[in-house]
Amino acid sequence: MANERTDKSRSAGKGSSAEKKKKAQRRDWYQLDLSAIVYPTLQRRDFSSVYRLSVVLKEEIRPEILQLALDRTLPRFPTYKAAIRKGLFWRYLEPNDRPGPFVQEDVKNPCQPMYFKANNRYLVRVYYFRNRIALEAHHSLGDGTGGMCVLLTLTATYLRMLGHEEIQNGGFVLNIADTPEEEELEDAYMRYANAKVCPPRLEEKAYRVRGTAEEFYTLNIIDGIMSVSEVMAAAKRYNATITEYLNAVLLHALLTKQQEDRRVHLRPVKIAMPVNLRRFFPSVTLRNFITMIYPGVDPRLGEYSFEEIVLQVHNYIRYHLNEKLLRGDITTNAATQRNPFIRVVPLFIKDFVVRLFYTKVQDRNSSAGLTNMGAMKVPRGMEPYIERFDIYMGQPFSRRTNCAIISFGDILTVNFTSSIIEADVERHFFRKLVRDGIHVKIESNRSQADAELY
């Protein structure tokens, strides 16, 4: 969602002192936050909860300088310069002083599984290719906001080392000489999990895209690059925001795909959409601080025109994105962790139950994932050196597609990732944009024959 980190939110969470900074510095381990608890549980040989953020600069990357910049930057982020460990009842993060991580030349299939004992136990990777810097991080460390702080602080340090001293700190760019504030390392969920009721969740199983699984370690990427002004103009014609409009386009593509499947039993089509809770609850945490909402339509009630889909998404998002409902959702999530009986259940039992629940219930609540990082803002002195950003939600847990959106200046990118051969959903998505008058440039790691389908 919108640009998450602002100086206002930072000052709102400060109220800090030298004592708090020293307390942060003394940490020798970090409890996983409320969201992070789930991600290691879902780990398997062919899946890790890994996301990817990248920035495309206007000049070619010098890897030796990038490595020096990484060595200087990462200690500023202690929960990223960390290794994950397993205790009797919970997993936790501990500081990692091993050599690395090491800058690598980029790969064709990104977001590969991160094994906890590999890569000197680091759960971050930094890649370069031509003029692109990419950061991959395990979701146990933090969400896109924390990851973007790491990436842009690294990029600013790199550019300064090239002689661009005019680049200032601010927003996502932190001062690497500063000691982390205690609030940056907190589990913000627990601070705001204080509603007087835990609202139940009654989500129905959603339509699932059927596709042919790709070979192990294959992640299909399709990028759509377009003009922000053109997308905004199309959204305005439907009286919608860009987020509402692109959600509706994805729902329309999924409905079309379900109709092509000629299924006997129709199911609701729903999107899992992360919400950045920092927009509603003051926090400067670099850990996870998101929740999910599920805009969708139910074709069993009748056929939906695109205008009706947009209206449905608009009303759903406006209703669910308010502080009180979100606080209730946080409280429901926190109730399990606060339960004294569950706290003493051995970790292997917790893993079994969580994995079973996620596989049988949670993962079936949505047909696809969509996240919108919003319009990126960087310090003014940094703007001339950046061309665009990309964001990838990574390998889907099940056979489906994930979609991520980010913009910079007048360039908006829509990044699809999937682990199936078929690209029907992506094709319907981009064709709808073209019909609405939006010019789309397609980039992909698929073969040229696949790319020609667009």
Protein backbone atom coordinates (compact mmCIF):
# COMPACT_ATOMS: atom_id res chain seq x y z
CA MET A 1 0.00 0.00 0.00
CA ALA A 2 1.00 3.67 -0.07
CA ASN A 3 4.51 4.79 0.75
CA GLU A 4 4.85 3.39 4.22
CA ARG A 5 7.73 5.16 5.91
CA THR A 6 7.50 8.88 6.62
CA ASP A 7 9.35 11.23 8.90
CA LYS A 8 6.01 11.84 10.67
CA SER A 9 5.64 8.17 11.62
CA ARG A 10 9.25 8.10 12.77
CA SER A 11 8.74 11.05 15.09
CA ALA A 12 5.46 9.55 16.34
CA GLY A 13 7.30 6.41 17.42
CA LYS A 14 10.32 8.18 18.87
CA GLY A 15 9.59 9.50 22.31
CA SER A 16 12.94 7.78 22.81
CA SER A 17 16.14 8.48 24.68
CA ALA A 18 19.76 7.40 24.80
CA GLU A 19 18.68 4.73 27.29
CA LYS A 20 16.32 3.13 24.75
CA LYS A 21 19.06 3.13 22.12
CA LYS A 22 21.46 1.46 24.50
CA LYS A 23 18.82 -1.14 25.30
CA ALA A 24 18.46 -1.89 21.58
CA GLN A 25 22.23 -2.15 21.27
CA ARG A 26 22.46 -4.65 24.14
CA ARG A 27 20.11 -7.15 22.49
CA ASP A 28 21.63 -10.60 21.96
CA TRP A 29 18.47 -12.23 20.63
CA TYR A 30 15.11 -11.20 19.14
CA GLN A 31 11.79 -12.93 19.54
CA LEU A 32 10.02 -13.47 16.21
CA ASP A 33 7.14 -11.07 15.69
CA LEU A 34 3.55 -12.24 15.46
CA SER A 35 3.63 -12.72 11.66
CA ALA A 36 7.17 -14.07 11.53
CA ILE A 37 6.23 -17.05 13.71
CA VAL A 38 4.31 -18.58 10.80
CA TYR A 39 6.88 -18.29 8.00
CA PRO A 40 9.51 -20.79 9.25
CA THR A 41 6.73 -23.27 9.96
CA LEU A 42 5.79 -23.29 6.26
CA GLN A 43 9.40 -23.87 5.20
CA ARG A 44 9.95 -26.89 2.99
CA ARG A 45 12.58 -28.06 0.51
CA ASP A 46 10.96 -26.26 -2.43
CA PHE A 47 9.44 -23.25 -0.63
CA SER A 48 10.56 -20.38 1.58
CA SER A 49 8.73 -17.17 2.38
CA VAL A 50 11.14 -14.98 0.41
CA TYR A 51 10.30 -11.63 -1.18
CA ARG A 52 12.41 -9.49 -3.51
CA LEU A 53 12.83 -5.73 -3.88
CA SER A 54 14.98 -4.13 -6.56
CA VAL A 55 16.02 -0.66 -7.68
CA VAL A 56 17.13 0.08 -11.24
CA LEU A 57 19.77 2.81 -11.39
CA LYS A 58 20.89 4.85 -14.41
CA GLU A 59 24.46 3.61 -14.40
CA GLU A 60 26.04 0.16 -14.29
CA ILE A 61 26.66 -1.40 -10.86
CA ARG A 62 30.22 -1.77 -9.58
CA PRO A 63 30.01 -4.97 -7.50
CA GLU A 64 33.15 -4.36 -5.44
CA ILE A 65 31.79 -1.00 -4.24
CA LEU A 66 28.37 -2.55 -3.63
CA GLN A 67 29.97 -5.18 -1.37
CA LEU A 68 31.72 -2.50 0.66
CA ALA A 69 28.45 -0.58 0.95
CA LEU A 70 26.65 -3.74 2.13
CA ASP A 71 29.31 -4.40 4.77
CA ARG A 72 28.80 -0.88 6.12
CA THR A 73 25.01 -0.86 5.90
CA LEU A 74 23.80 -4.19 7.26
CA PRO A 75 25.00 -3.70 10.88
CA ARG A 76 22.54 -0.78 11.06
CA PHE A 77 19.75 -3.40 10.77
CA PRO A 78 20.37 -5.97 13.54
CA THR A 79 17.23 -8.00 12.79
CA TYR A 80 18.48 -8.48 9.21
CA LYS A 81 22.06 -9.21 10.21
CA ALA A 82 20.74 -12.22 12.10
CA ALA A 83 20.34 -15.99 12.04
CA ILE A 84 17.24 -17.94 12.97
CA ARG A 85 17.45 -20.46 15.79
CA LYS A 86 15.08 -23.06 17.18
CA GLY A 87 14.21 -23.25 20.85
CA LEU A 88 12.03 -25.75 22.70
CA PHE A 89 8.88 -23.63 22.43
CA TRP A 90 9.64 -20.85 19.88
CA ARG A 91 12.10 -19.83 17.20
CA TYR A 92 14.11 -16.66 17.62
CA LEU A 93 16.71 -14.49 15.86
CA GLU A 94 20.25 -14.09 17.12
CA PRO A 95 22.97 -11.69 15.90
CA ASN A 96 25.02 -13.13 13.05
CA ASP A 97 28.70 -12.11 12.96
CA ARG A 98 29.75 -14.65 10.35
CA PRO A 99 31.29 -13.40 7.09
CA GLY A 100 28.75 -12.20 4.56
CA PRO A 101 26.31 -11.89 3.07
CA PHE A 102 28.20 -11.62 -0.22
CA VAL A 103 27.02 -9.70 -3.27
CA GLN A 104 26.26 -12.05 -6.16
CA GLU A 105 25.55 -11.70 -9.86
CA ASP A 106 21.80 -12.05 -10.43
CA VAL A 107 20.07 -15.31 -11.37
CA LYS A 108 17.30 -16.16 -13.83
CA ASN A 109 14.99 -17.64 -11.19
CA PRO A 110 14.99 -15.40 -8.09
CA CYS A 111 13.35 -15.92 -4.68
CA GLN A 112 14.75 -19.41 -4.29
CA PRO A 113 14.32 -21.17 -0.93
CA MET A 114 16.52 -19.94 1.90
CA TYR A 115 17.75 -22.81 4.02
CA PHE A 116 18.39 -21.67 7.57
CA LYS A 117 21.86 -23.24 7.81
CA ALA A 118 23.08 -22.16 4.36
CA ASN A 119 24.71 -18.87 3.31
CA ASN A 120 26.48 -18.60 6.69
CA ARG A 121 22.96 -18.55 8.18
CA TYR A 122 22.07 -15.19 6.61
CA LEU A 123 18.47 -14.78 5.51
CA VAL A 124 19.18 -11.97 3.05
CA ARG A 125 20.72 -12.00 -0.40
CA VAL A 126 21.97 -9.06 -2.49
CA TYR A 127 22.23 -9.39 -6.26
CA TYR A 128 23.34 -7.11 -9.08
CA PHE A 129 22.78 -7.18 -12.84
CA ARG A 130 23.85 -4.35 -15.12
CA ASN A 131 22.29 -1.32 -13.40
CA ARG A 132 19.99 -3.20 -10.98
CA ILE A 133 20.46 -3.87 -7.25
CA ALA A 134 18.14 -6.51 -5.78
CA LEU A 135 17.53 -7.49 -2.16
CA GLU A 136 15.91 -10.78 -1.23
CA ALA A 137 14.85 -11.35 2.37
CA HIS A 138 13.08 -14.05 4.33
CA HIS A 139 9.75 -12.82 5.66
CA SER A 140 10.75 -13.87 9.19
CA LEU A 141 12.99 -10.79 9.30
CA GLY A 142 10.42 -8.20 8.29
CA ASP A 143 7.93 -7.01 5.68
CA GLY A 144 8.36 -4.85 2.58
CA THR A 145 8.77 -1.66 4.61
CA GLY A 146 11.74 -3.03 6.54
CA GLY A 147 13.19 -4.55 3.38
CA MET A 148 12.85 -1.28 1.49
CA CYS A 149 14.68 0.55 4.30
CA VAL A 150 17.56 -1.92 3.94
CA LEU A 151 17.62 -1.66 0.13
CA LEU A 152 17.43 2.13 -0.09
CA THR A 153 19.89 2.70 2.76
CA LEU A 154 22.27 0.31 0.98
CA THR A 155 21.71 2.12 -2.33
CA ALA A 156 22.32 5.54 -0.75
CA THR A 157 25.53 4.27 0.88
CA TYR A 158 26.66 2.82 -2.47
CA LEU A 159 25.98 6.07 -4.35
CA ARG A 160 27.80 8.12 -1.72
CA MET A 161 30.82 5.83 -2.06
CA LEU A 162 30.79 6.65 -5.77
CA GLY A 163 31.12 10.32 -4.87
CA HIS A 164 27.49 11.44 -4.74
CA GLU A 165 27.80 13.07 -1.32
CA GLU A 166 24.72 15.25 -1.83
CA ILE A 167 22.37 12.36 -0.95
CA GLN A 168 20.66 13.02 2.38
CA ASN A 169 19.00 10.65 4.85
CA GLY A 170 15.23 10.59 5.20
CA GLY A 171 12.22 8.34 4.64
CA PHE A 172 13.45 4.87 3.76
CA VAL A 173 17.11 6.00 3.86
CA LEU A 174 18.43 5.68 7.42
CA ASN A 175 21.69 6.96 8.88
CA ILE A 176 24.07 3.99 9.09
CA ALA A 177 25.97 5.74 11.89
CA ASP A 178 22.91 5.77 14.14
CA THR A 179 22.19 3.15 16.77
CA PRO A 180 18.83 1.46 16.06
CA GLU A 181 15.95 2.72 18.14
CA GLU A 182 14.13 0.23 20.35
CA GLU A 183 10.90 0.95 18.45
CA GLU A 184 12.50 -0.20 15.18
CA LEU A 185 13.03 -3.66 16.68
CA GLU A 186 9.69 -4.10 18.47
CA ASP A 187 6.83 -6.46 17.70
CA ALA A 188 4.33 -3.67 17.01
CA TYR A 189 1.46 -6.15 16.82
CA MET A 190 1.60 -6.74 20.56
CA ARG A 191 1.51 -3.00 21.32
CA TYR A 192 -1.80 -2.56 19.48
CA ALA A 193 -3.47 -5.92 20.21
CA ASN A 194 -5.78 -4.39 22.81
CA ALA A 195 -9.33 -4.56 21.43
CA LYS A 196 -11.90 -5.83 23.94
CA VAL A 197 -13.10 -8.57 21.60
CA CYS A 198 -11.49 -10.99 19.16
CA PRO A 199 -13.62 -10.88 15.99
CA PRO A 200 -14.04 -14.30 14.34
CA ARG A 201 -12.88 -15.00 10.79
CA LEU A 202 -15.43 -16.60 8.49
CA GLU A 203 -13.72 -16.78 5.10
CA GLU A 204 -15.08 -19.22 2.52
CA LYS A 205 -12.84 -21.28 0.28
CA ALA A 206 -11.99 -19.42 -2.92
CA TYR A 207 -11.47 -20.45 -6.54
CA ARG A 208 -8.03 -21.95 -7.13
CA VAL A 209 -6.25 -21.64 -10.46
CA ARG A 210 -5.39 -25.02 -11.88
CA GLY A 211 -2.03 -25.17 -13.60
CA THR A 212 0.91 -27.35 -14.51
CA ALA A 213 3.65 -27.17 -11.89
CA GLU A 214 7.00 -25.87 -13.08
CA GLU A 215 10.21 -27.73 -12.41
CA PHE A 216 11.81 -27.32 -9.01
CA TYR A 217 13.50 -23.92 -8.56
CA THR A 218 11.63 -22.35 -11.49
CA LEU A 219 9.89 -19.04 -10.81
CA ASN A 220 8.11 -17.42 -13.73
CA ILE A 221 8.25 -13.63 -13.78
CA ILE A 222 6.21 -11.26 -15.94
CA ASP A 223 6.70 -7.51 -15.52
CA GLY A 224 4.29 -4.94 -16.93
CA ILE A 225 5.77 -1.44 -17.15
CA MET A 226 3.37 1.44 -17.74
CA SER A 227 2.67 5.10 -17.13
CA VAL A 228 1.26 6.15 -13.75
CA SER A 229 -0.74 8.92 -15.42
CA GLU A 230 -2.36 6.48 -17.86
CA VAL A 231 -3.29 4.04 -15.06
CA MET A 232 -4.61 6.90 -12.94
CA ALA A 233 -6.74 8.17 -15.83
CA ALA A 234 -8.23 4.69 -16.36
CA ALA A 235 -8.95 4.34 -12.63
CA LYS A 236 -10.67 7.74 -12.54
CA ARG A 237 -13.03 6.68 -15.31
CA TYR A 238 -14.32 4.04 -12.88
CA ASN A 239 -14.27 6.43 -9.88
CA ALA A 240 -11.59 4.29 -8.24
CA THR A 241 -8.09 4.61 -6.84
CA ILE A 242 -5.20 2.86 -8.59
CA THR A 243 -5.20 0.13 -5.94
CA GLU A 244 -8.95 -0.45 -6.29
CA TYR A 245 -8.74 -0.44 -10.08
CA LEU A 246 -5.85 -2.93 -10.31
CA ASN A 247 -7.52 -5.21 -7.75
CA ALA A 248 -10.62 -5.17 -9.95
CA VAL A 249 -8.56 -5.95 -13.07
CA LEU A 250 -7.01 -8.96 -11.33
CA LEU A 251 -10.41 -10.17 -10.11
CA HIS A 252 -11.76 -9.78 -13.65
CA ALA A 253 -8.86 -11.88 -14.98
CA LEU A 254 -9.49 -14.59 -12.38
CA LEU A 255 -13.23 -14.66 -13.14
CA THR A 256 -12.46 -15.02 -16.84
CA LYS A 257 -10.06 -17.87 -16.08
CA GLN A 258 -12.67 -19.65 -13.94
CA GLN A 259 -15.20 -19.37 -16.78
CA GLU A 260 -12.65 -20.87 -19.21
CA ASP A 261 -12.12 -23.78 -16.83
CA ARG A 262 -15.84 -24.65 -17.26
CA ARG A 263 -16.06 -25.73 -13.68
CA VAL A 264 -19.30 -27.40 -12.60
CA HIS A 265 -19.13 -25.71 -9.18
CA LEU A 266 -18.22 -22.04 -9.17
CA ARG A 267 -16.40 -20.55 -6.21
CA PRO A 268 -15.85 -17.02 -4.94
CA VAL A 269 -12.85 -15.24 -6.45
CA LYS A 270 -10.82 -13.42 -3.81
CA ILE A 271 -7.49 -11.64 -3.55
CA ALA A 272 -5.19 -11.77 -0.51
CA MET A 273 -4.14 -8.15 -0.09
CA PRO A 274 -1.56 -7.16 2.56
CA VAL A 275 -2.31 -3.95 4.47
CA ASN A 276 0.52 -1.90 5.93
CA LEU A 277 -0.62 -1.28 9.52
CA ARG A 278 1.78 1.65 9.92
CA ARG A 279 -0.77 3.72 8.03
CA PHE A 280 -3.21 3.29 10.92
CA PHE A 281 -1.04 2.73 14.00
CA PRO A 282 2.05 4.93 14.59
CA SER A 283 5.12 2.72 14.41
CA VAL A 284 8.64 2.80 12.98
CA THR A 285 9.19 -0.95 13.38
CA LEU A 286 11.34 -2.63 10.73
CA ARG A 287 9.78 -5.99 11.58
CA ASN A 288 6.54 -7.36 10.09
CA PHE A 289 3.54 -5.12 10.68
CA ILE A 290 0.91 -6.09 8.13
CA THR A 291 -2.42 -7.87 8.03
CA MET A 292 -4.53 -9.32 5.22
CA ILE A 293 -7.88 -8.38 3.73
CA TYR A 294 -9.69 -10.31 0.99
CA PRO A 295 -11.59 -8.23 -1.59
CA GLY A 296 -13.54 -10.42 -4.01
CA VAL A 297 -16.74 -11.30 -5.82
CA ASP A 298 -18.95 -14.37 -5.82
CA PRO A 299 -19.98 -15.45 -9.36
CA ARG A 300 -22.62 -17.78 -7.90
CA LEU A 301 -24.72 -14.68 -7.28
CA GLY A 302 -24.73 -13.78 -10.98
CA GLU A 303 -22.53 -12.25 -13.65
CA TYR A 304 -20.51 -9.17 -12.75
CA SER A 305 -19.69 -6.37 -15.17
CA PHE A 306 -16.29 -4.78 -14.70
CA GLU A 307 -17.95 -1.66 -13.29
CA GLU A 308 -19.68 -3.82 -10.67
CA ILE A 309 -16.37 -5.47 -9.74
CA VAL A 310 -14.76 -2.06 -9.24
CA LEU A 311 -17.65 -0.94 -7.03
CA GLN A 312 -17.48 -4.15 -4.99
CA VAL A 313 -13.73 -3.70 -4.41
CA HIS A 314 -14.18 -0.01 -3.59
CA ASN A 315 -16.85 -0.69 -0.95
CA TYR A 316 -14.98 -3.65 0.55
CA ILE A 317 -11.70 -1.78 0.97
CA ARG A 318 -13.36 1.36 2.34
CA TYR A 319 -15.26 -0.71 4.90
CA HIS A 320 -12.36 -2.89 6.09
CA LEU A 321 -9.58 -0.30 6.18
CA ASN A 322 -10.33 1.42 9.44
CA GLU A 323 -8.47 1.51 12.72
CA LYS A 324 -11.11 -0.32 14.78
CA LEU A 325 -11.58 -3.33 12.54
CA LEU A 326 -7.83 -3.63 12.04
CA ARG A 327 -7.21 -3.44 15.79
CA GLY A 328 -9.70 -6.27 16.26
CA ASP A 329 -7.88 -8.33 13.63
CA ILE A 330 -4.54 -7.76 15.38
CA THR A 331 -6.08 -8.78 18.71
CA THR A 332 -7.48 -12.00 17.22
CA ASN A 333 -4.03 -12.85 15.83
CA ALA A 334 -2.33 -12.14 19.14
CA ALA A 335 -4.78 -14.18 21.24
CA THR A 336 -3.10 -17.47 20.36
CA GLN A 337 0.39 -16.31 21.26
CA ARG A 338 -0.83 -14.88 24.57
CA ASN A 339 -2.58 -18.11 25.57
CA PRO A 340 -0.52 -19.52 28.48
CA PHE A 341 -1.28 -23.12 27.52
CA ILE A 342 -0.19 -22.70 23.90
CA ARG A 343 2.99 -20.92 24.95
CA VAL A 344 4.29 -24.08 26.64
CA VAL A 345 3.32 -26.47 23.83
CA PRO A 346 6.52 -27.88 22.24
CA LEU A 347 7.56 -26.28 18.96
CA PHE A 348 7.17 -29.42 16.84
CA ILE A 349 3.48 -29.64 17.83
CA LYS A 350 2.93 -25.94 17.08
CA ASP A 351 4.57 -26.45 13.67
CA PHE A 352 2.30 -29.38 12.84
CA VAL A 353 -0.89 -27.53 13.80
CA VAL A 354 0.04 -24.26 12.06
CA ARG A 355 1.11 -26.03 8.87
CA LEU A 356 -2.10 -28.06 8.81
CA PHE A 357 -4.27 -24.97 9.41
CA TYR A 358 -2.47 -22.92 6.74
CA THR A 359 -2.63 -25.68 4.14
CA LYS A 360 -6.25 -26.68 4.75
CA VAL A 361 -7.77 -23.28 5.58
CA GLN A 362 -5.67 -20.11 5.26
CA ASP A 363 -4.10 -20.74 1.85
CA ARG A 364 -7.50 -21.63 0.40
CA ASN A 365 -9.05 -18.30 1.34
CA SER A 366 -7.73 -16.54 -1.76
CA SER A 367 -7.30 -17.05 -5.50
CA ALA A 368 -4.22 -14.81 -5.86
CA GLY A 369 -2.13 -12.32 -3.93
CA LEU A 370 -1.76 -8.62 -4.67
CA THR A 371 0.30 -6.02 -2.82
CA ASN A 372 0.74 -2.35 -3.70
CA MET A 373 3.83 -0.68 -2.26
CA GLY A 374 2.57 2.62 -3.63
CA ALA A 375 4.49 5.61 -4.92
CA MET A 376 8.11 5.46 -3.79
CA LYS A 377 9.69 8.62 -2.42
CA VAL A 378 13.43 9.00 -1.94
CA PRO A 379 15.60 11.93 -0.77
CA ARG A 380 15.70 14.58 -3.50
CA GLY A 381 19.45 14.20 -4.06
CA MET A 382 18.90 10.51 -4.85
CA GLU A 383 16.17 10.94 -7.47
CA PRO A 384 18.44 11.65 -10.51
CA TYR A 385 20.19 8.29 -10.13
CA ILE A 386 17.08 6.06 -10.03
CA GLU A 387 15.05 4.85 -12.98
CA ARG A 388 12.44 2.55 -11.39
CA PHE A 389 11.64 -0.04 -8.72
CA ASP A 390 10.37 -3.64 -8.82
CA ILE A 391 8.80 -5.77 -6.08
CA TYR A 392 8.09 -9.51 -6.13
CA MET A 393 6.00 -11.40 -3.59
CA GLY A 394 8.07 -14.49 -4.36
CA GLN A 395 7.24 -18.14 -4.76
CA PRO A 396 3.53 -18.81 -4.10
CA PHE A 397 2.86 -21.43 -1.43
CA SER A 398 0.44 -23.22 -3.78
CA ARG A 399 -0.06 -23.27 -7.54
CA ARG A 400 -1.23 -19.77 -8.32
CA THR A 401 0.06 -16.31 -9.23
CA ASN A 402 1.07 -13.39 -7.05
CA CYS A 403 1.05 -9.76 -8.13
CA ALA A 404 2.97 -6.77 -6.74
CA ILE A 405 2.76 -3.10 -7.70
CA ILE A 406 5.15 -0.20 -7.16
CA SER A 407 5.72 3.16 -8.82
CA PHE A 408 8.38 5.85 -9.04
CA GLY A 409 7.82 9.11 -10.87
CA ASP A 410 5.60 8.28 -13.83
CA ILE A 411 6.74 4.64 -14.07
CA LEU A 412 4.43 2.00 -12.56
CA THR A 413 5.45 -1.65 -12.61
CA VAL A 414 3.20 -4.66 -12.06
CA ASN A 415 5.30 -7.72 -11.21
CA PHE A 416 3.74 -11.19 -11.47
CA THR A 417 5.37 -14.33 -10.05
CA SER A 418 4.07 -17.86 -10.42
CA SER A 419 5.21 -21.46 -10.20
CA ILE A 420 2.94 -22.80 -12.96
CA ILE A 421 3.53 -22.99 -16.70
CA GLU A 422 0.24 -21.41 -17.78
CA ALA A 423 0.04 -17.60 -17.83
CA ASP A 424 -3.67 -17.19 -18.55
CA VAL A 425 -4.39 -14.92 -15.57
CA GLU A 426 -1.51 -12.59 -16.44
CA ARG A 427 -2.61 -12.50 -20.09
CA HIS A 428 -6.19 -11.54 -19.21
CA PHE A 429 -4.88 -8.93 -16.76
CA PHE A 430 -2.67 -7.07 -19.22
CA ARG A 431 -5.16 -7.33 -22.08
CA LYS A 432 -7.77 -5.60 -19.93
CA LEU A 433 -5.31 -2.78 -19.22
CA VAL A 434 -4.63 -2.38 -22.94
CA ARG A 435 -8.38 -2.28 -23.68
CA ASP A 436 -8.63 0.54 -21.13
CA GLY A 437 -6.11 2.58 -23.10
CA ILE A 438 -2.97 1.81 -21.06
CA HIS A 439 0.27 1.18 -22.94
CA VAL A 440 2.10 -1.78 -21.38
CA LYS A 441 5.67 -2.91 -21.95
CA ILE A 442 6.20 -6.58 -21.03
CA GLU A 443 9.43 -8.05 -19.66
CA SER A 444 9.77 -11.68 -18.60
CA ASN A 445 12.21 -14.45 -17.77
CA ARG A 446 10.00 -16.83 -19.75
CA SER A 447 11.01 -18.01 -23.22
CA GLN A 448 10.52 -15.74 -26.23
CA ALA A 449 7.67 -17.99 -27.42
CA ASP A 450 5.82 -17.39 -24.15
CA ALA A 451 6.49 -13.66 -24.22
CA GLU A 452 4.96 -13.37 -27.72
CA LEU A 453 1.60 -14.42 -26.29
CA TYR A 454 1.24 -10.87 -24.97
